[in-house]
């Protein structure tokens, strides 16, 4: 019989696990990792903004995607055009970025699996006599290590030709040149930190769901147990 056990700590852990997985996935897919200088339609510098004219959009470059200024296509009303610049894995601009993509993809896959499993922890607390919270916490720790490796390798690719085209000739490994770091990079870092917090918090969720009070209510025959 399934005993539905809901505690504040387990619910918070589940919520954080889902948020972290989505945050890392969105950051990975985004083109806003590097933000270049605004360029005019000729591509040789920003257009004048005198008279209150809006500043031209900044080109952005991600691991495999980019956003550039609309070159003037009449059938596309948007100011920027975004999409993948690499049609295959081998066309990713740098070998370091290829490694980053692999490490991040593996880490995000693990986080998505944990996020899915965490939804069912209210009803299932163990698998083959092992706590599902502890297993998920271990997986989140492993995912965090993959994410760290990916984030460490990513700046090493700033010297590739694609990054130089966006960030100027001063761009090199771990030096972004004229570019600034975008929200996707910071989101990936924040998500990595939260991943390890989730891994630690899973132990607290395990303690909460296996407490004496929970066991007493199970012995009393209650199927729905809600504790603060």
N, C-alpha and C. Protein backbone atom coordinates (compact mmCIF):
# COMPACT_ATOMS: atom_id res chain seq x y z
N UNK A 1 0.85 -1.19 0.00
CA UNK A 1 0.00 0.00 0.00
C UNK A 1 0.89 1.25 0.00
N UNK A 2 0.49 2.22 -0.77
CA UNK A 2 1.28 3.45 -0.87
C UNK A 2 0.91 4.41 0.25
N UNK A 3 1.89 4.80 1.05
CA UNK A 3 1.70 5.81 2.07
C UNK A 3 2.24 7.13 1.53
N UNK A 4 1.33 8.08 1.31
CA UNK A 4 1.74 9.39 0.78
C UNK A 4 2.25 10.23 1.94
N UNK A 5 3.56 10.52 1.92
CA UNK A 5 4.19 11.27 3.00
C UNK A 5 4.66 12.63 2.45
N UNK A 6 4.13 13.68 3.03
CA UNK A 6 4.46 15.03 2.59
C UNK A 6 5.03 15.81 3.77
N UNK A 7 6.26 16.28 3.64
CA UNK A 7 6.88 17.13 4.66
C UNK A 7 7.41 18.39 3.98
N UNK A 8 7.61 19.42 4.79
CA UNK A 8 8.11 20.68 4.23
C UNK A 8 9.45 20.49 3.56
N UNK A 9 10.34 19.73 4.22
CA UNK A 9 11.69 19.56 3.68
C UNK A 9 11.69 18.73 2.40
N UNK A 10 10.87 17.70 2.34
CA UNK A 10 10.82 16.89 1.11
C UNK A 10 10.20 17.67 -0.04
N UNK A 11 9.16 18.46 0.26
CA UNK A 11 8.54 19.27 -0.78
C UNK A 11 9.49 20.35 -1.29
N UNK A 12 10.24 20.96 -0.37
CA UNK A 12 11.20 21.98 -0.77
C UNK A 12 12.30 21.38 -1.62
N UNK A 13 12.76 20.20 -1.23
CA UNK A 13 13.80 19.52 -2.02
C UNK A 13 13.28 19.18 -3.42
N UNK A 14 12.04 18.70 -3.51
CA UNK A 14 11.45 18.39 -4.81
C UNK A 14 11.35 19.64 -5.68
N UNK A 15 10.88 20.73 -5.08
CA UNK A 15 10.74 21.97 -5.83
C UNK A 15 12.08 22.48 -6.32
N UNK A 16 13.09 22.47 -5.45
CA UNK A 16 14.42 22.93 -5.85
C UNK A 16 15.01 22.04 -6.94
N UNK A 17 14.77 20.75 -6.85
CA UNK A 17 15.30 19.81 -7.87
C UNK A 17 14.72 20.12 -9.24
N UNK A 18 13.43 20.43 -9.28
CA UNK A 18 12.78 20.76 -10.56
C UNK A 18 13.29 22.10 -11.09
N UNK A 19 13.40 23.09 -10.20
CA UNK A 19 13.87 24.42 -10.61
C UNK A 19 15.29 24.35 -11.16
N UNK A 20 16.17 23.61 -10.48
CA UNK A 20 17.57 23.50 -10.92
C UNK A 20 17.66 22.85 -12.30
N UNK A 21 16.90 21.78 -12.50
CA UNK A 21 16.94 21.08 -13.79
C UNK A 21 16.50 22.00 -14.92
N UNK A 22 15.41 22.75 -14.72
CA UNK A 22 14.92 23.66 -15.75
C UNK A 22 15.89 24.82 -15.97
N UNK A 23 16.47 25.34 -14.90
CA UNK A 23 17.40 26.46 -15.02
C UNK A 23 18.62 26.06 -15.84
N UNK A 24 19.18 24.91 -15.56
CA UNK A 24 20.36 24.45 -16.30
C UNK A 24 20.02 24.16 -17.76
N UNK A 25 18.85 23.59 -18.00
CA UNK A 25 18.44 23.28 -19.37
C UNK A 25 18.24 24.55 -20.18
N UNK A 26 17.57 25.54 -19.60
CA UNK A 26 17.35 26.80 -20.30
C UNK A 26 18.67 27.52 -20.58
N UNK A 27 19.57 27.52 -19.59
CA UNK A 27 20.87 28.17 -19.78
C UNK A 27 21.66 27.49 -20.89
N UNK A 28 21.64 26.16 -20.92
CA UNK A 28 22.38 25.42 -21.94
C UNK A 28 21.87 25.74 -23.34
N UNK A 29 20.57 25.89 -23.49
CA UNK A 29 19.98 26.14 -24.80
C UNK A 29 20.08 27.59 -25.24
N UNK A 30 20.38 28.49 -24.29
CA UNK A 30 20.40 29.92 -24.59
C UNK A 30 21.65 30.31 -25.39
N UNK A 31 21.52 31.42 -26.13
CA UNK A 31 22.66 31.99 -26.85
C UNK A 31 23.33 33.11 -26.05
N UNK A 32 22.81 33.42 -24.87
CA UNK A 32 23.31 34.56 -24.09
C UNK A 32 24.41 34.18 -23.11
N UNK A 33 25.46 33.52 -23.61
CA UNK A 33 26.62 33.21 -22.78
C UNK A 33 27.65 34.32 -22.89
N UNK A 34 27.87 34.81 -24.10
CA UNK A 34 28.77 35.94 -24.35
C UNK A 34 27.98 37.03 -25.05
N UNK A 35 28.14 38.27 -24.59
CA UNK A 35 27.44 39.40 -25.20
C UNK A 35 28.48 40.33 -25.82
N UNK A 36 28.39 40.50 -27.14
CA UNK A 36 29.34 41.35 -27.85
C UNK A 36 28.89 42.79 -27.91
N UNK A 37 29.71 43.61 -28.52
CA UNK A 37 29.37 45.02 -28.69
C UNK A 37 28.30 45.18 -29.77
N UNK A 38 27.46 46.20 -29.58
CA UNK A 38 26.43 46.48 -30.58
C UNK A 38 27.08 46.89 -31.89
N UNK A 39 26.58 46.35 -32.99
CA UNK A 39 27.13 46.66 -34.31
C UNK A 39 26.04 47.16 -35.24
N UNK A 40 26.45 48.03 -36.14
CA UNK A 40 25.53 48.50 -37.17
C UNK A 40 25.31 47.44 -38.22
N UNK A 41 24.49 47.75 -39.18
CA UNK A 41 24.19 46.76 -40.21
C UNK A 41 25.40 46.41 -41.05
N UNK A 42 26.37 47.30 -41.07
CA UNK A 42 27.59 46.99 -41.81
C UNK A 42 28.52 46.11 -41.03
N UNK A 43 28.24 45.92 -39.73
CA UNK A 43 29.04 45.04 -38.92
C UNK A 43 30.33 45.66 -38.44
N UNK A 44 30.49 46.96 -38.53
CA UNK A 44 31.76 47.59 -38.17
C UNK A 44 31.59 48.63 -37.08
N UNK A 45 30.78 48.33 -36.10
CA UNK A 45 30.62 49.25 -34.99
C UNK A 45 29.19 49.68 -34.83
N UNK A 46 28.91 50.24 -33.68
CA UNK A 46 27.54 50.64 -33.38
C UNK A 46 27.14 51.87 -34.17
N UNK A 47 25.87 51.92 -34.50
CA UNK A 47 25.35 53.08 -35.19
C UNK A 47 25.14 54.22 -34.20
N UNK A 48 25.15 55.43 -34.63
CA UNK A 48 24.91 56.55 -33.71
C UNK A 48 23.53 56.44 -33.08
N UNK A 49 23.46 56.86 -31.81
CA UNK A 49 22.19 56.79 -31.10
C UNK A 49 21.73 58.18 -30.69
N UNK A 50 22.20 59.21 -31.39
CA UNK A 50 21.81 60.57 -31.07
C UNK A 50 20.33 60.76 -31.35
N UNK A 51 19.73 61.75 -30.64
CA UNK A 51 18.32 62.03 -30.84
C UNK A 51 17.41 61.03 -30.19
N UNK A 52 17.95 60.26 -29.25
CA UNK A 52 17.11 59.30 -28.52
C UNK A 52 16.86 58.01 -29.28
N UNK A 53 17.57 57.77 -30.36
CA UNK A 53 17.39 56.52 -31.11
C UNK A 53 17.86 55.35 -30.27
N UNK A 54 17.17 54.23 -30.30
CA UNK A 54 17.57 53.07 -29.49
C UNK A 54 18.91 52.51 -29.93
N UNK A 55 19.65 52.01 -28.96
CA UNK A 55 20.94 51.40 -29.26
C UNK A 55 20.74 50.11 -30.05
N UNK A 56 21.59 49.85 -31.05
CA UNK A 56 21.46 48.60 -31.81
C UNK A 56 21.59 47.39 -30.89
N UNK A 57 20.91 46.30 -31.21
CA UNK A 57 20.98 45.11 -30.36
C UNK A 57 22.38 44.53 -30.33
N UNK A 58 22.72 43.94 -29.21
CA UNK A 58 24.04 43.32 -29.05
C UNK A 58 24.01 41.89 -29.58
N UNK A 59 25.02 41.50 -30.35
CA UNK A 59 25.09 40.09 -30.76
C UNK A 59 25.46 39.22 -29.57
N UNK A 60 24.93 38.04 -29.51
CA UNK A 60 25.24 37.13 -28.42
C UNK A 60 25.67 35.78 -28.97
N UNK A 61 26.49 35.10 -28.20
CA UNK A 61 27.04 33.82 -28.64
C UNK A 61 26.96 32.81 -27.50
N UNK A 62 26.36 31.67 -27.79
CA UNK A 62 26.27 30.59 -26.82
C UNK A 62 27.20 29.45 -27.19
N UNK A 63 26.99 28.31 -26.56
CA UNK A 63 27.85 27.16 -26.82
C UNK A 63 27.66 26.66 -28.25
N UNK A 64 26.41 26.63 -28.71
CA UNK A 64 26.16 26.17 -30.08
C UNK A 64 25.17 27.08 -30.82
N UNK A 65 24.73 28.16 -30.18
CA UNK A 65 23.74 29.05 -30.78
C UNK A 65 24.25 30.48 -30.76
N UNK A 66 23.57 31.36 -31.52
CA UNK A 66 23.96 32.76 -31.56
C UNK A 66 22.77 33.62 -31.92
N UNK A 67 22.85 34.91 -31.57
CA UNK A 67 21.86 35.89 -31.97
C UNK A 67 22.61 37.04 -32.64
N UNK A 68 22.18 37.41 -33.84
CA UNK A 68 22.83 38.50 -34.57
C UNK A 68 21.77 39.50 -35.02
N UNK A 69 22.23 40.68 -35.40
CA UNK A 69 21.30 41.70 -35.86
C UNK A 69 20.70 41.30 -37.20
N UNK A 70 19.42 41.56 -37.33
CA UNK A 70 18.74 41.29 -38.59
C UNK A 70 19.41 42.10 -39.70
N UNK A 71 19.95 41.42 -40.72
CA UNK A 71 20.64 42.14 -41.79
C UNK A 71 19.73 42.96 -42.69
N UNK A 72 18.43 42.96 -42.42
CA UNK A 72 17.52 43.78 -43.21
C UNK A 72 16.53 42.97 -44.00
N UNK A 73 16.25 41.75 -43.53
CA UNK A 73 15.27 40.90 -44.22
C UNK A 73 13.87 41.45 -43.98
N UNK A 74 13.19 41.82 -45.03
CA UNK A 74 11.89 42.48 -44.89
C UNK A 74 10.82 41.54 -44.36
N UNK A 75 10.95 40.25 -44.63
CA UNK A 75 9.92 39.32 -44.20
C UNK A 75 10.11 38.89 -42.75
N UNK A 76 11.17 39.37 -42.09
CA UNK A 76 11.41 39.06 -40.68
C UNK A 76 11.38 40.36 -39.90
N UNK A 77 10.31 40.65 -39.13
CA UNK A 77 10.17 41.93 -38.46
C UNK A 77 11.08 42.11 -37.24
N UNK A 78 11.67 41.03 -36.74
CA UNK A 78 12.46 41.13 -35.51
C UNK A 78 13.80 41.84 -35.76
N UNK A 79 14.31 42.51 -34.69
CA UNK A 79 15.60 43.19 -34.79
C UNK A 79 16.76 42.22 -34.76
N UNK A 80 16.58 41.06 -34.14
CA UNK A 80 17.65 40.07 -34.06
C UNK A 80 17.18 38.72 -34.59
N UNK A 81 18.12 37.95 -35.08
CA UNK A 81 17.85 36.60 -35.56
C UNK A 81 18.65 35.64 -34.70
N UNK A 82 17.97 34.67 -34.11
CA UNK A 82 18.61 33.72 -33.20
C UNK A 82 18.44 32.30 -33.73
N UNK A 83 19.44 31.49 -33.48
CA UNK A 83 19.39 30.10 -33.89
C UNK A 83 20.75 29.45 -33.76
N UNK A 84 20.82 28.15 -33.96
CA UNK A 84 22.11 27.46 -33.87
C UNK A 84 23.02 27.83 -35.04
N UNK A 85 24.28 28.09 -34.74
CA UNK A 85 25.25 28.33 -35.80
C UNK A 85 25.91 27.02 -36.23
N UNK A 86 25.77 25.99 -35.40
CA UNK A 86 26.37 24.68 -35.69
C UNK A 86 25.27 23.71 -36.07
N UNK A 87 25.35 23.16 -37.26
CA UNK A 87 24.34 22.20 -37.71
C UNK A 87 24.63 20.79 -37.20
N UNK A 88 25.84 20.56 -36.71
CA UNK A 88 26.20 19.26 -36.15
C UNK A 88 27.14 19.49 -34.98
N UNK A 89 27.34 18.45 -34.20
CA UNK A 89 28.20 18.56 -33.02
C UNK A 89 29.62 18.97 -33.41
N UNK A 90 30.10 18.44 -34.52
CA UNK A 90 31.46 18.74 -34.96
C UNK A 90 31.67 20.18 -35.39
N UNK A 91 30.58 20.92 -35.65
CA UNK A 91 30.69 22.31 -36.08
C UNK A 91 30.68 23.29 -34.91
N UNK A 92 30.56 22.80 -33.68
CA UNK A 92 30.69 23.69 -32.52
C UNK A 92 32.08 24.33 -32.55
N UNK A 93 32.13 25.62 -32.26
CA UNK A 93 33.30 26.44 -32.58
C UNK A 93 34.59 25.99 -31.95
N UNK A 94 34.57 25.36 -30.81
CA UNK A 94 35.80 25.02 -30.10
C UNK A 94 35.71 23.61 -29.54
N UNK A 95 36.87 22.94 -29.50
CA UNK A 95 36.90 21.63 -28.87
C UNK A 95 36.56 21.72 -27.39
N UNK A 96 36.94 22.83 -26.77
CA UNK A 96 36.59 23.03 -25.36
C UNK A 96 35.08 23.16 -25.21
N UNK A 97 34.44 23.84 -26.15
CA UNK A 97 32.99 24.00 -26.08
C UNK A 97 32.28 22.68 -26.38
N UNK A 98 32.88 21.85 -27.20
CA UNK A 98 32.32 20.52 -27.44
C UNK A 98 32.35 19.70 -26.15
N UNK A 99 33.48 19.78 -25.44
CA UNK A 99 33.58 19.08 -24.15
C UNK A 99 32.59 19.67 -23.15
N UNK A 100 32.45 21.01 -23.17
CA UNK A 100 31.48 21.67 -22.29
C UNK A 100 30.07 21.17 -22.57
N UNK A 101 29.73 21.08 -23.86
CA UNK A 101 28.40 20.60 -24.23
C UNK A 101 28.15 19.18 -23.73
N UNK A 102 29.16 18.33 -23.80
CA UNK A 102 29.01 16.95 -23.34
C UNK A 102 28.80 16.90 -21.83
N UNK A 103 29.68 17.59 -21.10
CA UNK A 103 29.58 17.57 -19.63
C UNK A 103 28.26 18.18 -19.14
N UNK A 104 27.88 19.31 -19.74
CA UNK A 104 26.63 19.94 -19.33
C UNK A 104 25.43 19.06 -19.68
N UNK A 105 25.46 18.46 -20.86
CA UNK A 105 24.34 17.61 -21.28
C UNK A 105 24.17 16.42 -20.34
N UNK A 106 25.28 15.80 -19.96
CA UNK A 106 25.21 14.65 -19.04
C UNK A 106 24.67 15.10 -17.68
N UNK A 107 25.21 16.22 -17.17
CA UNK A 107 24.75 16.74 -15.89
C UNK A 107 23.27 17.09 -15.91
N UNK A 108 22.83 17.75 -16.98
CA UNK A 108 21.42 18.15 -17.08
C UNK A 108 20.51 16.93 -17.21
N UNK A 109 20.96 15.91 -17.95
CA UNK A 109 20.18 14.67 -18.08
C UNK A 109 19.96 14.04 -16.71
N UNK A 110 21.02 13.98 -15.91
CA UNK A 110 20.89 13.41 -14.57
C UNK A 110 19.93 14.24 -13.73
N UNK A 111 20.05 15.57 -13.81
CA UNK A 111 19.17 16.44 -13.04
C UNK A 111 17.71 16.27 -13.45
N UNK A 112 17.46 16.12 -14.74
CA UNK A 112 16.08 15.93 -15.21
C UNK A 112 15.50 14.61 -14.72
N UNK A 113 16.33 13.56 -14.70
CA UNK A 113 15.87 12.27 -14.18
C UNK A 113 15.54 12.39 -12.70
N UNK A 114 16.42 13.05 -11.94
CA UNK A 114 16.17 13.23 -10.50
C UNK A 114 14.91 14.07 -10.27
N UNK A 115 14.74 15.12 -11.07
CA UNK A 115 13.55 15.96 -10.93
C UNK A 115 12.28 15.15 -11.17
N UNK A 116 12.32 14.25 -12.14
CA UNK A 116 11.15 13.41 -12.42
C UNK A 116 10.90 12.44 -11.27
N UNK A 117 11.97 11.82 -10.79
CA UNK A 117 11.83 10.85 -9.70
C UNK A 117 11.37 11.53 -8.42
N UNK A 118 11.83 12.77 -8.19
CA UNK A 118 11.50 13.47 -6.95
C UNK A 118 10.00 13.68 -6.78
N UNK A 119 9.28 13.76 -7.89
CA UNK A 119 7.83 13.95 -7.82
C UNK A 119 7.15 12.74 -7.17
N UNK A 120 7.75 11.56 -7.33
CA UNK A 120 7.14 10.33 -6.82
C UNK A 120 7.62 9.98 -5.42
N UNK A 121 8.51 10.79 -4.84
CA UNK A 121 9.03 10.46 -3.51
C UNK A 121 7.97 10.61 -2.42
N UNK A 122 6.87 11.29 -2.71
CA UNK A 122 5.80 11.39 -1.72
C UNK A 122 5.16 10.03 -1.47
N UNK A 123 5.24 9.14 -2.48
CA UNK A 123 4.60 7.84 -2.37
C UNK A 123 5.62 6.71 -2.24
N UNK A 124 6.78 6.88 -2.87
CA UNK A 124 7.81 5.85 -2.84
C UNK A 124 9.05 6.44 -2.19
N UNK A 125 9.45 5.89 -1.05
CA UNK A 125 10.61 6.42 -0.34
C UNK A 125 11.85 5.54 -0.43
N UNK A 126 11.72 4.37 -1.03
CA UNK A 126 12.88 3.48 -1.13
C UNK A 126 12.80 2.64 -2.39
N UNK A 127 13.97 2.27 -2.89
CA UNK A 127 14.10 1.39 -4.05
C UNK A 127 15.12 0.32 -3.70
N UNK A 128 14.69 -0.95 -3.71
CA UNK A 128 15.57 -2.07 -3.36
C UNK A 128 16.22 -1.83 -1.99
N UNK A 129 15.39 -1.38 -1.04
CA UNK A 129 15.79 -1.15 0.34
C UNK A 129 16.79 0.00 0.51
N UNK A 130 16.94 0.81 -0.52
CA UNK A 130 17.80 1.99 -0.44
C UNK A 130 16.93 3.24 -0.51
N UNK A 131 17.26 4.21 0.32
CA UNK A 131 16.47 5.44 0.35
C UNK A 131 16.56 6.16 -0.99
N UNK A 132 15.41 6.49 -1.55
CA UNK A 132 15.39 7.19 -2.83
C UNK A 132 15.96 8.59 -2.70
N UNK A 133 15.83 9.18 -1.50
CA UNK A 133 16.39 10.50 -1.27
C UNK A 133 17.92 10.46 -1.32
N UNK A 134 18.49 9.45 -0.69
CA UNK A 134 19.95 9.33 -0.69
C UNK A 134 20.49 9.04 -2.08
N UNK A 135 19.78 8.19 -2.82
CA UNK A 135 20.21 7.88 -4.20
C UNK A 135 20.15 9.13 -5.07
N UNK A 136 19.04 9.87 -4.96
CA UNK A 136 18.89 11.09 -5.75
C UNK A 136 19.92 12.14 -5.34
N UNK A 137 20.20 12.24 -4.03
CA UNK A 137 21.22 13.19 -3.57
C UNK A 137 22.59 12.86 -4.14
N UNK A 138 22.92 11.55 -4.19
CA UNK A 138 24.19 11.13 -4.77
C UNK A 138 24.25 11.48 -6.25
N UNK A 139 23.15 11.24 -6.97
CA UNK A 139 23.10 11.57 -8.39
C UNK A 139 23.23 13.07 -8.61
N UNK A 140 22.62 13.87 -7.74
CA UNK A 140 22.76 15.33 -7.88
C UNK A 140 24.19 15.78 -7.63
N UNK A 141 24.87 15.13 -6.69
CA UNK A 141 26.28 15.45 -6.48
C UNK A 141 27.13 15.13 -7.70
N UNK A 142 26.85 13.98 -8.33
CA UNK A 142 27.58 13.59 -9.54
C UNK A 142 27.27 14.57 -10.67
N UNK A 143 25.99 14.95 -10.80
CA UNK A 143 25.61 15.92 -11.84
C UNK A 143 26.33 17.25 -11.62
N UNK A 144 26.45 17.67 -10.36
CA UNK A 144 27.15 18.91 -10.05
C UNK A 144 28.60 18.88 -10.49
N UNK A 145 29.25 17.72 -10.35
CA UNK A 145 30.65 17.59 -10.79
C UNK A 145 30.76 17.73 -12.31
N UNK A 146 29.83 17.13 -13.04
CA UNK A 146 29.82 17.28 -14.51
C UNK A 146 29.62 18.74 -14.89
N UNK A 147 28.71 19.42 -14.19
CA UNK A 147 28.45 20.83 -14.50
C UNK A 147 29.69 21.68 -14.24
N UNK A 148 30.39 21.41 -13.14
CA UNK A 148 31.59 22.17 -12.82
C UNK A 148 32.65 21.98 -13.91
N UNK A 149 32.84 20.74 -14.34
CA UNK A 149 33.83 20.48 -15.40
C UNK A 149 33.47 21.25 -16.67
N UNK A 150 32.19 21.26 -17.02
CA UNK A 150 31.76 21.98 -18.21
C UNK A 150 32.01 23.47 -18.09
N UNK A 151 31.70 24.05 -16.93
CA UNK A 151 31.87 25.49 -16.74
C UNK A 151 33.34 25.89 -16.67
N UNK A 152 34.20 25.00 -16.20
CA UNK A 152 35.63 25.29 -16.17
C UNK A 152 36.20 25.29 -17.58
N UNK A 153 35.74 24.35 -18.40
CA UNK A 153 36.27 24.24 -19.77
C UNK A 153 35.73 25.31 -20.70
N UNK A 154 34.53 25.81 -20.42
CA UNK A 154 33.92 26.77 -21.33
C UNK A 154 34.78 28.01 -21.59
N UNK A 155 35.32 28.71 -20.58
CA UNK A 155 36.13 29.90 -20.87
C UNK A 155 37.41 29.60 -21.63
N UNK A 156 37.87 28.34 -21.60
CA UNK A 156 39.08 27.99 -22.34
C UNK A 156 38.86 28.10 -23.85
N UNK A 157 37.60 28.10 -24.28
CA UNK A 157 37.29 28.20 -25.70
C UNK A 157 37.11 29.61 -26.21
N UNK A 158 37.34 30.62 -25.35
CA UNK A 158 37.13 32.00 -25.78
C UNK A 158 38.16 32.47 -26.81
N UNK A 159 39.19 31.68 -27.03
CA UNK A 159 40.17 32.05 -28.04
C UNK A 159 39.87 31.50 -29.42
N UNK A 160 38.75 30.79 -29.58
CA UNK A 160 38.42 30.24 -30.89
C UNK A 160 38.01 31.37 -31.85
N UNK A 161 38.04 31.08 -33.14
CA UNK A 161 37.77 32.11 -34.13
C UNK A 161 36.36 32.67 -34.00
N UNK A 162 35.41 31.84 -33.65
CA UNK A 162 34.03 32.31 -33.51
C UNK A 162 33.93 33.34 -32.40
N UNK A 163 34.58 33.08 -31.27
CA UNK A 163 34.56 34.03 -30.16
C UNK A 163 35.32 35.31 -30.52
N UNK A 164 36.42 35.17 -31.24
CA UNK A 164 37.19 36.35 -31.67
C UNK A 164 36.34 37.23 -32.59
N UNK A 165 35.55 36.63 -33.45
CA UNK A 165 34.68 37.40 -34.34
C UNK A 165 33.68 38.24 -33.55
N UNK A 166 33.22 37.73 -32.43
CA UNK A 166 32.24 38.45 -31.61
C UNK A 166 32.91 39.37 -30.60
N UNK A 167 34.05 38.97 -30.08
CA UNK A 167 34.65 39.66 -28.92
C UNK A 167 35.93 40.42 -29.24
N UNK A 168 36.35 40.42 -30.47
CA UNK A 168 37.55 41.18 -30.84
C UNK A 168 38.82 40.36 -30.73
N UNK A 169 39.90 40.93 -31.21
CA UNK A 169 41.18 40.21 -31.29
C UNK A 169 41.84 40.01 -29.93
N UNK A 170 41.36 40.71 -28.92
CA UNK A 170 41.94 40.54 -27.60
C UNK A 170 41.35 39.34 -26.86
N UNK A 171 40.34 38.72 -27.44
CA UNK A 171 39.75 37.55 -26.81
C UNK A 171 40.71 36.36 -26.88
N UNK A 172 40.84 35.67 -25.78
CA UNK A 172 41.68 34.47 -25.70
C UNK A 172 41.16 33.60 -24.58
N UNK A 173 41.82 32.49 -24.34
CA UNK A 173 41.37 31.57 -23.31
C UNK A 173 41.24 32.28 -21.96
N UNK A 174 40.07 32.22 -21.38
CA UNK A 174 39.74 32.81 -20.08
C UNK A 174 39.78 34.34 -20.10
N UNK A 175 39.84 34.94 -21.29
CA UNK A 175 39.78 36.40 -21.44
C UNK A 175 38.72 36.72 -22.50
N UNK A 176 37.57 37.27 -22.12
CA UNK A 176 36.48 37.48 -23.07
C UNK A 176 36.66 38.67 -24.01
N UNK A 177 37.77 39.38 -23.92
CA UNK A 177 37.98 40.51 -24.82
C UNK A 177 36.94 41.60 -24.64
N UNK A 178 36.32 42.00 -25.74
CA UNK A 178 35.31 43.06 -25.70
C UNK A 178 33.94 42.56 -25.28
N UNK A 179 33.79 41.27 -25.08
CA UNK A 179 32.51 40.70 -24.70
C UNK A 179 32.31 40.76 -23.18
N UNK A 180 31.07 40.69 -22.78
CA UNK A 180 30.73 40.54 -21.37
C UNK A 180 29.96 39.23 -21.21
N UNK A 181 29.92 38.74 -19.99
CA UNK A 181 29.25 37.47 -19.73
C UNK A 181 27.75 37.68 -19.64
N UNK A 182 26.99 36.80 -20.27
CA UNK A 182 25.54 36.92 -20.30
C UNK A 182 24.86 36.19 -19.15
N UNK A 183 23.55 36.34 -19.08
CA UNK A 183 22.78 35.76 -17.98
C UNK A 183 22.83 34.24 -17.99
N UNK A 184 22.99 33.62 -19.16
CA UNK A 184 22.99 32.17 -19.23
C UNK A 184 24.18 31.58 -18.48
N UNK A 185 25.34 32.23 -18.59
CA UNK A 185 26.53 31.76 -17.90
C UNK A 185 26.33 31.84 -16.39
N UNK A 186 25.79 32.96 -15.92
CA UNK A 186 25.56 33.13 -14.49
C UNK A 186 24.46 32.19 -13.99
N UNK A 187 23.47 31.95 -14.83
CA UNK A 187 22.42 31.01 -14.46
C UNK A 187 22.97 29.60 -14.30
N UNK A 188 23.87 29.23 -15.21
CA UNK A 188 24.49 27.91 -15.13
C UNK A 188 25.32 27.78 -13.85
N UNK A 189 26.02 28.84 -13.48
CA UNK A 189 26.80 28.81 -12.23
C UNK A 189 25.87 28.71 -11.02
N UNK A 190 24.82 29.55 -11.01
CA UNK A 190 23.88 29.50 -9.91
C UNK A 190 23.19 28.16 -9.80
N UNK A 191 22.83 27.57 -10.94
CA UNK A 191 22.22 26.26 -10.93
C UNK A 191 23.15 25.18 -10.40
N UNK A 192 24.44 25.32 -10.70
CA UNK A 192 25.42 24.36 -10.20
C UNK A 192 25.53 24.42 -8.68
N UNK A 193 25.55 25.64 -8.15
CA UNK A 193 25.59 25.81 -6.69
C UNK A 193 24.34 25.19 -6.05
N UNK A 194 23.18 25.48 -6.64
CA UNK A 194 21.93 24.93 -6.11
C UNK A 194 21.88 23.40 -6.23
N UNK A 195 22.58 22.86 -7.21
CA UNK A 195 22.62 21.41 -7.37
C UNK A 195 23.24 20.75 -6.14
N UNK A 196 24.35 21.33 -5.67
CA UNK A 196 25.01 20.77 -4.49
C UNK A 196 24.17 21.03 -3.23
N UNK A 197 23.47 22.16 -3.20
CA UNK A 197 22.57 22.42 -2.07
C UNK A 197 21.46 21.38 -2.04
N UNK A 198 20.93 21.05 -3.21
CA UNK A 198 19.90 20.01 -3.30
C UNK A 198 20.45 18.66 -2.82
N UNK A 199 21.69 18.35 -3.20
CA UNK A 199 22.29 17.08 -2.80
C UNK A 199 22.39 16.98 -1.28
N UNK A 200 22.75 18.10 -0.63
CA UNK A 200 22.83 18.11 0.83
C UNK A 200 21.43 18.06 1.44
N UNK A 201 20.51 18.80 0.83
CA UNK A 201 19.15 18.90 1.37
C UNK A 201 18.40 17.59 1.24
N UNK A 202 18.81 16.72 0.33
CA UNK A 202 18.14 15.43 0.18
C UNK A 202 18.26 14.60 1.46
N UNK A 203 19.39 14.77 2.16
CA UNK A 203 19.57 14.04 3.42
C UNK A 203 18.56 14.53 4.46
N UNK A 204 18.30 15.84 4.48
CA UNK A 204 17.30 16.38 5.40
C UNK A 204 15.90 15.88 5.06
N UNK A 205 15.62 15.75 3.76
CA UNK A 205 14.32 15.22 3.34
C UNK A 205 14.17 13.78 3.78
N UNK A 206 15.27 13.01 3.71
CA UNK A 206 15.23 11.62 4.15
C UNK A 206 14.96 11.53 5.64
N UNK A 207 15.60 12.39 6.44
CA UNK A 207 15.39 12.39 7.89
C UNK A 207 13.94 12.73 8.22
N UNK A 208 13.39 13.71 7.48
CA UNK A 208 12.01 14.15 7.76
C UNK A 208 11.00 13.05 7.47
N UNK A 209 11.19 12.33 6.38
CA UNK A 209 10.20 11.32 5.98
C UNK A 209 10.36 10.01 6.75
N UNK A 210 11.48 9.82 7.43
CA UNK A 210 11.69 8.59 8.20
C UNK A 210 11.68 8.85 9.70
N UNK A 211 11.14 9.98 10.10
CA UNK A 211 11.11 10.34 11.52
C UNK A 211 10.17 9.43 12.30
N UNK A 212 10.31 9.45 13.63
CA UNK A 212 9.46 8.61 14.48
C UNK A 212 7.98 8.98 14.34
N UNK A 213 7.72 10.26 14.18
CA UNK A 213 6.33 10.71 14.06
C UNK A 213 5.68 10.14 12.81
N UNK A 214 6.44 10.10 11.71
CA UNK A 214 5.91 9.52 10.47
C UNK A 214 5.63 8.04 10.67
N UNK A 215 6.57 7.32 11.31
CA UNK A 215 6.38 5.90 11.52
C UNK A 215 5.16 5.61 12.41
N UNK A 216 4.94 6.48 13.39
CA UNK A 216 3.79 6.31 14.27
C UNK A 216 2.49 6.45 13.48
N UNK A 217 2.44 7.42 12.57
CA UNK A 217 1.21 7.62 11.80
C UNK A 217 1.01 6.49 10.80
N UNK A 218 2.09 5.91 10.29
CA UNK A 218 1.96 4.76 9.40
C UNK A 218 1.38 3.56 10.17
N UNK A 219 1.88 3.37 11.41
CA UNK A 219 1.38 2.27 12.23
C UNK A 219 -0.08 2.45 12.59
N UNK A 220 -0.55 3.70 12.65
CA UNK A 220 -1.95 3.97 12.95
C UNK A 220 -2.85 3.73 11.74
N UNK A 221 -2.23 3.41 10.59
CA UNK A 221 -3.01 3.09 9.41
C UNK A 221 -3.32 4.25 8.50
N UNK A 222 -2.68 5.38 8.71
CA UNK A 222 -2.93 6.56 7.86
C UNK A 222 -2.18 6.41 6.54
N UNK A 223 -2.87 6.70 5.45
CA UNK A 223 -2.25 6.63 4.12
C UNK A 223 -1.75 7.98 3.63
N UNK A 224 -2.32 9.06 4.16
CA UNK A 224 -1.88 10.42 3.80
C UNK A 224 -1.32 11.08 5.04
N UNK A 225 0.00 11.37 5.00
CA UNK A 225 0.69 11.92 6.15
C UNK A 225 1.31 13.25 5.75
N UNK A 226 0.86 14.33 6.37
CA UNK A 226 1.38 15.66 6.07
C UNK A 226 1.98 16.25 7.34
N UNK A 227 3.27 16.57 7.28
CA UNK A 227 3.97 17.12 8.44
C UNK A 227 4.68 18.40 8.05
N UNK A 228 4.75 19.35 8.98
CA UNK A 228 5.49 20.59 8.77
C UNK A 228 6.96 20.37 9.06
